Amino acid sequence: MDFSNIARQLNEENPALAATASSGEKSLAGGEKQINRTNQRKDRQKAQMATQSSVPQKSDVSYASEEARMDREYAKMMANNISDWRAELTEAMKDEEGPHPYVDVMPFLNQKQMEAKRQEKGAAKMEGGKQAKMAEELSIDDQMKISREAAKGRNPKPDHKAIRGKMLKKPLPKDTRTDDEKMTDATGPRPGSHYRGD
Protein backbone atom coordinates (compact mmCIF):
# COMPACT_ATOMS: atom_id res chain seq x y z
CA MET A 1 0.00 0.00 0.00
CA ASP A 2 1.15 3.40 -0.91
CA PHE A 3 0.40 6.11 1.67
CA SER A 4 2.36 8.83 -0.04
CA ASN A 5 -0.75 10.14 -1.80
CA ILE A 6 -2.56 10.56 1.52
CA ALA A 7 0.43 12.27 3.11
CA ARG A 8 0.63 14.71 0.22
CA GLN A 9 -3.09 15.60 0.60
CA LEU A 10 -2.64 16.21 4.32
CA ASN A 11 0.30 18.55 3.73
CA GLU A 12 -1.52 20.59 1.14
CA GLU A 13 -3.65 23.56 2.17
CA ASN A 14 -7.12 22.01 2.54
CA PRO A 15 -9.80 24.73 3.20
CA ALA A 16 -12.00 22.40 5.24
CA LEU A 17 -9.12 21.44 7.53
CA ALA A 18 -8.13 25.08 7.93
CA ALA A 19 -11.70 26.08 8.92
CA THR A 20 -11.94 23.34 11.57
CA ALA A 21 -8.57 24.27 13.00
CA SER A 22 -9.43 27.98 13.20
CA SER A 23 -12.83 27.30 14.83
CA GLY A 24 -11.16 25.05 17.37
CA GLU A 25 -8.62 27.76 18.22
CA LYS A 26 -11.39 30.38 18.49
CA SER A 27 -13.43 28.21 20.85
CA LEU A 28 -10.41 27.66 23.11
CA ALA A 29 -9.70 31.40 23.17
CA GLY A 30 -13.39 32.18 23.93
CA GLY A 31 -13.45 29.70 26.80
CA GLU A 32 -10.31 31.23 28.29
CA LYS A 33 -11.81 34.75 28.02
CA GLN A 34 -14.98 33.62 29.77
CA ILE A 35 -13.03 32.04 32.61
CA ASN A 36 -10.92 35.20 32.99
CA ARG A 37 -14.03 37.44 33.06
CA THR A 38 -15.73 35.23 35.63
CA ASN A 39 -12.66 35.39 37.86
CA GLN A 40 -12.53 39.18 37.47
CA ARG A 41 -16.21 39.51 38.45
CA LYS A 42 -15.65 37.33 41.52
CA ASP A 43 -12.68 39.46 42.56
CA ARG A 44 -14.70 42.68 42.13
CA GLN A 45 -17.55 41.22 44.17
CA LYS A 46 -15.18 40.16 46.96
CA ALA A 47 -13.62 43.62 47.04
CA GLN A 48 -17.06 45.25 47.22
CA MET A 49 -18.15 42.94 50.07
CA ALA A 50 -14.94 43.76 51.95
CA THR A 51 -15.62 47.49 51.73
CA GLN A 52 -19.15 47.10 53.19
CA SER A 53 -18.92 47.48 56.93
CA SER A 54 -22.53 48.33 57.85
CA VAL A 55 -25.37 45.85 58.22
CA PRO A 56 -27.49 45.66 55.07
CA GLN A 57 -30.86 47.35 55.50
CA LYS A 58 -34.15 46.13 54.17
CA SER A 59 -35.04 47.90 50.96
CA ASP A 60 -38.29 49.82 50.52
CA VAL A 61 -39.06 47.87 47.37
CA SER A 62 -41.81 45.29 47.92
CA TYR A 63 -41.65 42.25 45.77
CA ALA A 64 -44.53 40.09 44.58
CA SER A 65 -43.77 37.42 47.18
CA GLU A 66 -44.19 39.94 50.02
CA GLU A 67 -47.48 41.16 48.57
CA ALA A 68 -48.71 37.59 48.22
CA ARG A 69 -47.72 36.86 51.84
CA MET A 70 -49.62 39.95 53.02
CA ASP A 71 -52.66 38.86 51.01
CA ARG A 72 -52.54 35.39 52.54
CA GLU A 73 -52.27 36.82 56.06
CA TYR A 74 -55.22 39.14 55.40
CA ALA A 75 -57.31 36.26 54.03
CA LYS A 76 -56.51 34.15 57.12
CA MET A 77 -57.46 37.02 59.41
CA MET A 78 -60.77 37.50 57.58
CA ALA A 79 -61.49 33.76 57.70
CA ASN A 80 -60.93 33.73 61.46
CA ASN A 81 -63.35 36.64 61.93
CA ILE A 82 -66.21 35.09 59.93
CA SER A 83 -69.35 34.51 61.94
CA ASP A 84 -72.31 32.30 61.03
CA TRP A 85 -75.19 34.75 61.40
CA ARG A 86 -77.85 32.10 60.80
CA ALA A 87 -76.55 30.00 63.68
CA GLU A 88 -76.33 33.07 65.91
CA LEU A 89 -79.95 33.99 65.10
CA THR A 90 -81.23 30.50 65.83
CA GLU A 91 -79.33 30.47 69.13
CA ALA A 92 -80.85 33.82 70.05
CA MET A 93 -84.33 32.64 69.07
CA LYS A 94 -84.07 29.61 71.37
CA ASP A 95 -84.27 31.93 74.34
CA GLU A 96 -87.49 33.56 73.10
CA GLU A 97 -90.78 31.98 72.15
CA GLY A 98 -91.56 32.21 68.44
CA PRO A 99 -90.08 34.59 65.90
CA HIS A 100 -89.09 38.12 66.72
CA PRO A 101 -92.06 40.48 66.21
CA TYR A 102 -90.10 43.08 64.23
CA VAL A 103 -87.34 41.23 62.41
CA ASP A 104 -87.86 38.46 59.88
CA VAL A 105 -84.52 37.47 58.39
CA MET A 106 -84.50 34.98 55.50
CA PRO A 107 -88.07 33.69 55.86
CA PHE A 108 -88.90 30.10 55.01
CA LEU A 109 -90.72 29.43 51.75
CA ASN A 110 -93.82 28.19 53.56
CA GLN A 111 -93.68 30.69 56.41
CA LYS A 112 -97.20 32.03 55.80
CA GLN A 113 -98.62 28.52 56.01
CA MET A 114 -96.65 27.84 59.19
CA GLU A 115 -97.87 31.12 60.69
CA ALA A 116 -101.51 30.30 59.82
CA LYS A 117 -101.21 26.85 61.43
CA ARG A 118 -99.67 28.39 64.53
CA GLN A 119 -102.52 30.92 64.79
CA GLU A 120 -105.15 28.19 64.29
CA LYS A 121 -103.60 26.13 67.06
CA GLY A 122 -103.57 29.15 69.35
CA ALA A 123 -107.19 29.98 68.53
CA ALA A 124 -108.25 26.35 69.00
CA LYS A 125 -106.54 26.25 72.38
CA MET A 126 -108.26 29.45 73.47
CA GLU A 127 -111.72 28.42 72.21
CA GLY A 128 -111.26 24.92 73.55
CA GLY A 129 -110.45 26.44 76.91
CA LYS A 130 -113.52 28.72 76.78
CA GLN A 131 -115.80 25.87 75.73
CA ALA A 132 -114.41 23.66 78.45
CA LYS A 133 -115.08 26.37 81.04
CA MET A 134 -118.61 26.88 79.68
CA ALA A 135 -119.24 23.13 79.67
CA GLU A 136 -118.09 22.89 83.23
CA GLU A 137 -120.35 25.76 84.24
CA LEU A 138 -123.47 24.67 82.26
CA SER A 139 -125.27 21.39 82.69
CA ILE A 140 -126.24 19.19 79.78
CA ASP A 141 -129.85 20.39 79.91
CA ASP A 142 -128.77 24.01 79.71
CA GLN A 143 -126.51 23.26 76.73
CA MET A 144 -129.40 21.49 74.92
CA LYS A 145 -131.72 24.44 75.56
CA ILE A 146 -129.14 26.88 74.08
CA SER A 147 -128.65 24.77 70.93
CA ARG A 148 -132.47 24.46 70.39
CA GLU A 149 -132.92 28.23 70.64
CA ALA A 150 -130.11 28.81 68.13
CA ALA A 151 -131.67 26.32 65.66
CA LYS A 152 -135.18 27.86 65.80
CA GLY A 153 -134.49 30.52 63.16
CA ARG A 154 -132.63 28.19 60.80
CA ASN A 155 -134.14 26.56 57.70
CA PRO A 156 -133.57 22.81 58.05
CA LYS A 157 -133.51 22.28 54.26
CA PRO A 158 -132.23 25.45 52.56
CA ASP A 159 -132.68 25.84 48.80
CA HIS A 160 -129.16 26.63 47.70
CA LYS A 161 -130.15 27.33 44.08
CA ALA A 162 -132.66 29.99 45.16
CA ILE A 163 -130.11 31.61 47.44
CA ARG A 164 -127.57 31.65 44.62
CA GLY A 165 -130.17 33.13 42.22
CA LYS A 166 -130.93 35.97 44.64
CA MET A 167 -127.24 36.73 44.87
CA LEU A 168 -126.86 36.82 41.08
CA LYS A 169 -129.85 39.14 40.59
CA LYS A 170 -127.80 41.99 41.98
CA PRO A 171 -126.10 43.85 39.09
CA LEU A 172 -122.36 43.37 38.77
CA PRO A 173 -120.17 46.48 38.51
CA LYS A 174 -119.32 47.43 34.91
CA ASP A 175 -115.79 46.61 33.75
CA THR A 176 -114.23 49.82 32.43
CA ARG A 177 -110.77 48.41 31.69
CA THR A 178 -109.25 48.51 28.21
CA ASP A 179 -108.34 45.33 26.35
CA ASP A 180 -104.65 45.86 27.14
CA GLU A 181 -105.38 46.18 30.86
CA LYS A 182 -107.54 43.05 30.79
CA MET A 183 -104.75 41.08 29.10
CA THR A 184 -102.17 42.35 31.55
CA ASP A 185 -104.39 41.48 34.51
CA ALA A 186 -105.06 38.03 33.08
CA THR A 187 -101.48 37.08 32.21
CA GLY A 188 -99.45 39.38 34.43
CA PRO A 189 -96.41 41.34 33.29
CA ARG A 190 -93.50 39.56 31.68
CA PRO A 191 -90.63 38.60 33.99
CA GLY A 192 -88.17 41.48 34.32
CA SER A 193 -90.63 43.98 32.84
CA HIS A 194 -91.71 47.04 34.81
CA TYR A 195 -94.72 47.55 32.55
CA ARG A 196 -97.94 47.46 34.56
CA GLY A 197 -100.35 47.81 31.66
CA ASP A 198 -101.70 51.26 32.58
C-alpha atoms as a PDB file:
ATOM      1  CA  MET A   1       0.000   0.000   0.000  1.00  0.00           C
ATOM      2  CA  ASP A   2       1.151   3.397  -0.909  1.00  0.00           C
ATOM      3  CA  PHE A   3       0.402   6.112   1.670  1.00  0.00           C
ATOM      4  CA  SER A   4       2.360   8.826  -0.042  1.00  0.00           C
ATOM      5  CA  ASN A   5      -0.745  10.138  -1.802  1.00  0.00           C
ATOM      6  CA  ILE A   6      -2.558  10.562   1.519  1.00  0.00           C
ATOM      7  CA  ALA A   7       0.427  12.265   3.110  1.00  0.00           C
ATOM      8  CA  ARG A   8       0.631  14.708   0.223  1.00  0.00           C
ATOM      9  CA  GLN A   9      -3.086  15.602   0.601  1.00  0.00           C
ATOM     10  CA  LEU A  10      -2.640  16.214   4.316  1.00  0.00           C
ATOM     11  CA  ASN A  11       0.298  18.551   3.731  1.00  0.00           C
ATOM     12  CA  GLU A  12      -1.520  20.590   1.141  1.00  0.00           C
ATOM     13  CA  GLU A  13      -3.655  23.559   2.174  1.00  0.00           C
ATOM     14  CA  ASN A  14      -7.120  22.014   2.536  1.00  0.00           C
ATOM     15  CA  PRO A  15      -9.805  24.733   3.202  1.00  0.00           C
ATOM     16  CA  ALA A  16     -12.000  22.398   5.241  1.00  0.00           C
ATOM     17  CA  LEU A  17      -9.121  21.436   7.531  1.00  0.00           C
ATOM     18  CA  ALA A  18      -8.129  25.083   7.932  1.00  0.00           C
ATOM     19  CA  ALA A  19     -11.699  26.075   8.919  1.00  0.00           C
ATOM     20  CA  THR A  20     -11.936  23.340  11.566  1.00  0.00           C
ATOM     21  CA  ALA A  21      -8.570  24.274  12.999  1.00  0.00           C
ATOM     22  CA  SER A  22      -9.427  27.981  13.201  1.00  0.00           C
ATOM     23  CA  SER A  23     -12.828  27.298  14.827  1.00  0.00           C
ATOM     24  CA  GLY A  24     -11.158  25.049  17.374  1.00  0.00           C
ATOM     25  CA  GLU A  25      -8.622  27.761  18.218  1.00  0.00           C
ATOM     26  CA  LYS A  26     -11.387  30.377  18.490  1.00  0.00           C
ATOM     27  CA  SER A  27     -13.427  28.208  20.852  1.00  0.00           C
ATOM     28  CA  LEU A  28     -10.415  27.660  23.110  1.00  0.00           C
ATOM     29  CA  ALA A  29      -9.700  31.398  23.167  1.00  0.00           C
ATOM     30  CA  GLY A  30     -13.390  32.176  23.933  1.00  0.00           C
ATOM     31  CA  GLY A  31     -13.450  29.702  26.799  1.00  0.00           C
ATOM     32  CA  GLU A  32     -10.308  31.226  28.293  1.00  0.00           C
ATOM     33  CA  LYS A  33     -11.812  34.748  28.018  1.00  0.00           C
ATOM     34  CA  GLN A  34     -14.982  33.619  29.768  1.00  0.00           C
ATOM     35  CA  ILE A  35     -13.028  32.043  32.613  1.00  0.00           C
ATOM     36  CA  ASN A  36     -10.922  35.205  32.986  1.00  0.00           C
ATOM     37  CA  ARG A  37     -14.027  37.444  33.064  1.00  0.00           C
ATOM     38  CA  THR A  38     -15.733  35.227  35.625  1.00  0.00           C
ATOM     39  CA  ASN A  39     -12.656  35.388  37.862  1.00  0.00           C
ATOM     40  CA  GLN A  40     -12.527  39.179  37.466  1.00  0.00           C
ATOM     41  CA  ARG A  41     -16.212  39.508  38.446  1.00  0.00           C
ATOM     42  CA  LYS A  42     -15.652  37.333  41.518  1.00  0.00           C
ATOM     43  CA  ASP A  43     -12.679  39.461  42.561  1.00  0.00           C
ATOM     44  CA  ARG A  44     -14.698  42.679  42.130  1.00  0.00           C
ATOM     45  CA  GLN A  45     -17.552  41.219  44.169  1.00  0.00           C
ATOM     46  CA  LYS A  46     -15.176  40.163  46.960  1.00  0.00           C
ATOM     47  CA  ALA A  47     -13.619  43.624  47.039  1.00  0.00           C
ATOM     48  CA  GLN A  48     -17.064  45.252  47.216  1.00  0.00           C
ATOM     49  CA  MET A  49     -18.155  42.942  50.069  1.00  0.00           C
ATOM     50  CA  ALA A  50     -14.936  43.759  51.951  1.00  0.00           C
ATOM     51  CA  THR A  51     -15.619  47.490  51.727  1.00  0.00           C
ATOM     52  CA  GLN A  52     -19.149  47.104  53.191  1.00  0.00           C
ATOM     53  CA  SER A  53     -18.916  47.479  56.930  1.00  0.00           C
ATOM     54  CA  SER A  54     -22.531  48.329  57.849  1.00  0.00           C
ATOM     55  CA  VAL A  55     -25.366  45.850  58.220  1.00  0.00           C
ATOM     56  CA  PRO A  56     -27.495  45.657  55.071  1.00  0.00           C
ATOM     57  CA  GLN A  57     -30.863  47.354  55.501  1.00  0.00           C
ATOM     58  CA  LYS A  58     -34.153  46.133  54.167  1.00  0.00           C
ATOM     59  CA  SER A  59     -35.042  47.904  50.961  1.00  0.00           C
ATOM     60  CA  ASP A  60     -38.288  49.816  50.523  1.00  0.00           C
ATOM     61  CA  VAL A  61     -39.064  47.869  47.369  1.00  0.00           C
ATOM     62  CA  SER A  62     -41.808  45.295  47.921  1.00  0.00           C
ATOM     63  CA  TYR A  63     -41.652  42.249  45.771  1.00  0.00           C
ATOM     64  CA  ALA A  64     -44.528  40.088  44.577  1.00  0.00           C
ATOM     65  CA  SER A  65     -43.772  37.421  47.176  1.00  0.00           C
ATOM     66  CA  GLU A  66     -44.194  39.937  50.016  1.00  0.00           C
ATOM     67  CA  GLU A  67     -47.484  41.158  48.571  1.00  0.00           C
ATOM     68  CA  ALA A  68     -48.710  37.589  48.224  1.00  0.00           C
ATOM     69  CA  ARG A  69     -47.716  36.862  51.840  1.00  0.00           C
ATOM     70  CA  MET A  70     -49.620  39.951  53.021  1.00  0.00           C
ATOM     71  CA  ASP A  71     -52.659  38.860  51.005  1.00  0.00           C
ATOM     72  CA  ARG A  72     -52.540  35.386  52.544  1.00  0.00           C
ATOM     73  CA  GLU A  73     -52.274  36.824  56.063  1.00  0.00           C
ATOM     74  CA  TYR A  74     -55.221  39.141  55.397  1.00  0.00           C
ATOM     75  CA  ALA A  75     -57.305  36.257  54.031  1.00  0.00           C
ATOM     76  CA  LYS A  76     -56.515  34.150  57.125  1.00  0.00           C
ATOM     77  CA  MET A  77     -57.458  37.025  59.407  1.00  0.00           C
ATOM     78  CA  MET A  78     -60.769  37.496  57.584  1.00  0.00           C
ATOM     79  CA  ALA A  79     -61.489  33.756  57.698  1.00  0.00           C
ATOM     80  CA  ASN A  80     -60.933  33.731  61.463  1.00  0.00           C
ATOM     81  CA  ASN A  81     -63.347  36.640  61.932  1.00  0.00           C
ATOM     82  CA  ILE A  82     -66.206  35.088  59.925  1.00  0.00           C
ATOM     83  CA  SER A  83     -69.354  34.514  61.939  1.00  0.00           C
ATOM     84  CA  ASP A  84     -72.307  32.300  61.030  1.00  0.00           C
ATOM     85  CA  TRP A  85     -75.190  34.750  61.400  1.00  0.00           C
ATOM     86  CA  ARG A  86     -77.853  32.098  60.796  1.00  0.00           C
ATOM     87  CA  ALA A  87     -76.546  29.999  63.680  1.00  0.00           C
ATOM     88  CA  GLU A  88     -76.334  33.072  65.906  1.00  0.00           C
ATOM     89  CA  LEU A  89     -79.947  33.991  65.102  1.00  0.00           C
ATOM     90  CA  THR A  90     -81.228  30.499  65.828  1.00  0.00           C
ATOM     91  CA  GLU A  91     -79.333  30.467  69.127  1.00  0.00           C
ATOM     92  CA  ALA A  92     -80.846  33.823  70.053  1.00  0.00           C
ATOM     93  CA  MET A  93     -84.326  32.640  69.067  1.00  0.00           C
ATOM     94  CA  LYS A  94     -84.074  29.607  71.368  1.00  0.00           C
ATOM     95  CA  ASP A  95     -84.265  31.934  74.340  1.00  0.00           C
ATOM     96  CA  GLU A  96     -87.491  33.563  73.105  1.00  0.00           C
ATOM     97  CA  GLU A  97     -90.778  31.983  72.151  1.00  0.00           C
ATOM     98  CA  GLY A  98     -91.559  32.205  68.437  1.00  0.00           C
ATOM     99  CA  PRO A  99     -90.080  34.594  65.903  1.00  0.00           C
ATOM    100  CA  HIS A 100     -89.087  38.122  66.721  1.00  0.00           C
ATOM    101  CA  PRO A 101     -92.061  40.485  66.209  1.00  0.00           C
ATOM    102  CA  TYR A 102     -90.098  43.081  64.228  1.00  0.00           C
ATOM    103  CA  VAL A 103     -87.338  41.233  62.408  1.00  0.00           C
ATOM    104  CA  ASP A 104     -87.863  38.462  59.881  1.00  0.00           C
ATOM    105  CA  VAL A 105     -84.518  37.468  58.386  1.00  0.00           C
ATOM    106  CA  MET A 106     -84.498  34.981  55.505  1.00  0.00           C
ATOM    107  CA  PRO A 107     -88.070  33.687  55.859  1.00  0.00           C
ATOM    108  CA  PHE A 108     -88.899  30.102  55.006  1.00  0.00           C
ATOM    109  CA  LEU A 109     -90.718  29.434  51.755  1.00  0.00           C
ATOM    110  CA  ASN A 110     -93.820  28.193  53.559  1.00  0.00           C
ATOM    111  CA  GLN A 111     -93.680  30.695  56.407  1.00  0.00           C
ATOM    112  CA  LYS A 112     -97.199  32.033  55.798  1.00  0.00           C
ATOM    113  CA  GLN A 113     -98.622  28.521  56.014  1.00  0.00           C
ATOM    114  CA  MET A 114     -96.651  27.837  59.188  1.00  0.00           C
ATOM    115  CA  GLU A 115     -97.875  31.123  60.694  1.00  0.00           C
ATOM    116  CA  ALA A 116    -101.510  30.303  59.819  1.00  0.00           C
ATOM    117  CA  LYS A 117    -101.210  26.854  61.432  1.00  0.00           C
ATOM    118  CA  ARG A 118     -99.673  28.394  64.526  1.00  0.00           C
ATOM    119  CA  GLN A 119    -102.521  30.917  64.785  1.00  0.00           C
ATOM    120  CA  GLU A 120    -105.145  28.190  64.286  1.00  0.00           C
ATOM    121  CA  LYS A 121    -103.598  26.126  67.062  1.00  0.00           C
ATOM    122  CA  GLY A 122    -103.566  29.155  69.354  1.00  0.00           C
ATOM    123  CA  ALA A 123    -107.193  29.983  68.534  1.00  0.00           C
ATOM    124  CA  ALA A 124    -108.247  26.349  69.004  1.00  0.00           C
ATOM    125  CA  LYS A 125    -106.544  26.250  72.383  1.00  0.00           C
ATOM    126  CA  MET A 126    -108.260  29.455  73.468  1.00  0.00           C
ATOM    127  CA  GLU A 127    -111.715  28.416  72.208  1.00  0.00           C
ATOM    128  CA  GLY A 128    -111.262  24.922  73.548  1.00  0.00           C
ATOM    129  CA  GLY A 129    -110.451  26.440  76.910  1.00  0.00           C
ATOM    130  CA  LYS A 130    -113.519  28.723  76.779  1.00  0.00           C
ATOM    131  CA  GLN A 131    -115.804  25.872  75.734  1.00  0.00           C
ATOM    132  CA  ALA A 132    -114.405  23.661  78.451  1.00  0.00           C
ATOM    133  CA  LYS A 133    -115.081  26.369  81.036  1.00  0.00           C
ATOM    134  CA  MET A 134    -118.606  26.876  79.679  1.00  0.00           C
ATOM    135  CA  ALA A 135    -119.236  23.125  79.668  1.00  0.00           C
ATOM    136  CA  GLU A 136    -118.087  22.887  83.229  1.00  0.00           C
ATOM    137  CA  GLU A 137    -120.354  25.761  84.239  1.00  0.00           C
ATOM    138  CA  LEU A 138    -123.469  24.665  82.257  1.00  0.00           C
ATOM    139  CA  SER A 139    -125.268  21.393  82.691  1.00  0.00           C
ATOM    140  CA  ILE A 140    -126.238  19.190  79.776  1.00  0.00           C
ATOM    141  CA  ASP A 141    -129.852  20.385  79.911  1.00  0.00           C
ATOM    142  CA  ASP A 142    -128.771  24.013  79.709  1.00  0.00           C
ATOM    143  CA  GLN A 143    -126.514  23.261  76.729  1.00  0.00           C
ATOM    144  CA  MET A 144    -129.403  21.487  74.919  1.00  0.00           C
ATOM    145  CA  LYS A 145    -131.723  24.435  75.557  1.00  0.00           C
ATOM    146  CA  ILE A 146    -129.140  26.877  74.079  1.00  0.00           C
ATOM    147  CA  SER A 147    -128.646  24.771  70.929  1.00  0.00           C
ATOM    148  CA  ARG A 148    -132.466  24.463  70.390  1.00  0.00           C
ATOM    149  CA  GLU A 149    -132.916  28.225  70.637  1.00  0.00           C
ATOM    150  CA  ALA A 150    -130.106  28.807  68.133  1.00  0.00           C
ATOM    151  CA  ALA A 151    -131.667  26.323  65.658  1.00  0.00           C
ATOM    152  CA  LYS A 152    -135.184  27.858  65.796  1.00  0.00           C
ATOM    153  CA  GLY A 153    -134.486  30.523  63.162  1.00  0.00           C
ATOM    154  CA  ARG A 154    -132.629  28.186  60.797  1.00  0.00           C
ATOM    155  CA  ASN A 155    -134.141  26.563  57.704  1.00  0.00           C
ATOM    156  CA  PRO A 156    -133.571  22.806  58.055  1.00  0.00           C
ATOM    157  CA  LYS A 157    -133.506  22.281  54.257  1.00  0.00           C
ATOM    158  CA  PRO A 158    -132.230  25.446  52.565  1.00  0.00           C
ATOM    159  CA  ASP A 159    -132.679  25.838  48.797  1.00  0.00           C
ATOM    160  CA  HIS A 160    -129.163  26.630  47.702  1.00  0.00           C
ATOM    161  CA  LYS A 161    -130.153  27.333  44.077  1.00  0.00           C
ATOM    162  CA  ALA A 162    -132.658  29.991  45.156  1.00  0.00           C
ATOM    163  CA  ILE A 163    -130.111  31.606  47.438  1.00  0.00           C
ATOM    164  CA  ARG A 164    -127.569  31.651  44.617  1.00  0.00           C
ATOM    165  CA  GLY A 165    -130.171  33.130  42.217  1.00  0.00           C
ATOM    166  CA  LYS A 166    -130.927  35.967  44.645  1.00  0.00           C
ATOM    167  CA  MET A 167    -127.239  36.731  44.866  1.00  0.00           C
ATOM    168  CA  LEU A 168    -126.864  36.820  41.081  1.00  0.00           C
ATOM    169  CA  LYS A 169    -129.854  39.140  40.588  1.00  0.00           C
ATOM    170  CA  LYS A 170    -127.800  41.986  41.977  1.00  0.00           C
ATOM    171  CA  PRO A 171    -126.097  43.849  39.095  1.00  0.00           C
ATOM    172  CA  LEU A 172    -122.362  43.368  38.774  1.00  0.00           C
ATOM    173  CA  PRO A 173    -120.167  46.485  38.512  1.00  0.00           C
ATOM    174  CA  LYS A 174    -119.324  47.427  34.913  1.00  0.00           C
ATOM    175  CA  ASP A 175    -115.794  46.607  33.745  1.00  0.00           C
ATOM    176  CA  THR A 176    -114.227  49.824  32.430  1.00  0.00           C
ATOM    177  CA  ARG A 177    -110.769  48.411  31.694  1.00  0.00           C
ATOM    178  CA  THR A 178    -109.250  48.513  28.211  1.00  0.00           C
ATOM    179  CA  ASP A 179    -108.338  45.330  26.350  1.00  0.00           C
ATOM    180  CA  ASP A 180    -104.649  45.861  27.141  1.00  0.00           C
ATOM    181  CA  GLU A 181    -105.376  46.185  30.856  1.00  0.00           C
ATOM    182  CA  LYS A 182    -107.538  43.051  30.790  1.00  0.00           C
ATOM    183  CA  MET A 183    -104.745  41.078  29.101  1.00  0.00           C
ATOM    184  CA  THR A 184    -102.167  42.354  31.549  1.00  0.00           C
ATOM    185  CA  ASP A 185    -104.386  41.485  34.513  1.00  0.00           C
ATOM    186  CA  ALA A 186    -105.058  38.027  33.083  1.00  0.00           C
ATOM    187  CA  THR A 187    -101.476  37.082  32.211  1.00  0.00           C
ATOM    188  CA  GLY A 188     -99.449  39.384  34.428  1.00  0.00           C
ATOM    189  CA  PRO A 189     -96.406  41.343  33.288  1.00  0.00           C
ATOM    190  CA  ARG A 190     -93.504  39.560  31.684  1.00  0.00           C
ATOM    191  CA  PRO A 191     -90.630  38.595  33.986  1.00  0.00           C
ATOM    192  CA  GLY A 192     -88.174  41.477  34.322  1.00  0.00           C
ATOM    193  CA  SER A 193     -90.626  43.976  32.841  1.00  0.00           C
ATOM    194  CA  HIS A 194     -91.706  47.041  34.810  1.00  0.00           C
ATOM    195  CA  TYR A 195     -94.721  47.549  32.549  1.00  0.00           C
ATOM    196  CA  ARG A 196     -97.944  47.460  34.558  1.00  0.00           C
ATOM    197  CA  GLY A 197    -100.354  47.812  31.663  1.00  0.00           C
ATOM    198  CA  ASP A 198    -101.703  51.259  32.583  1.00  0.00           C
END
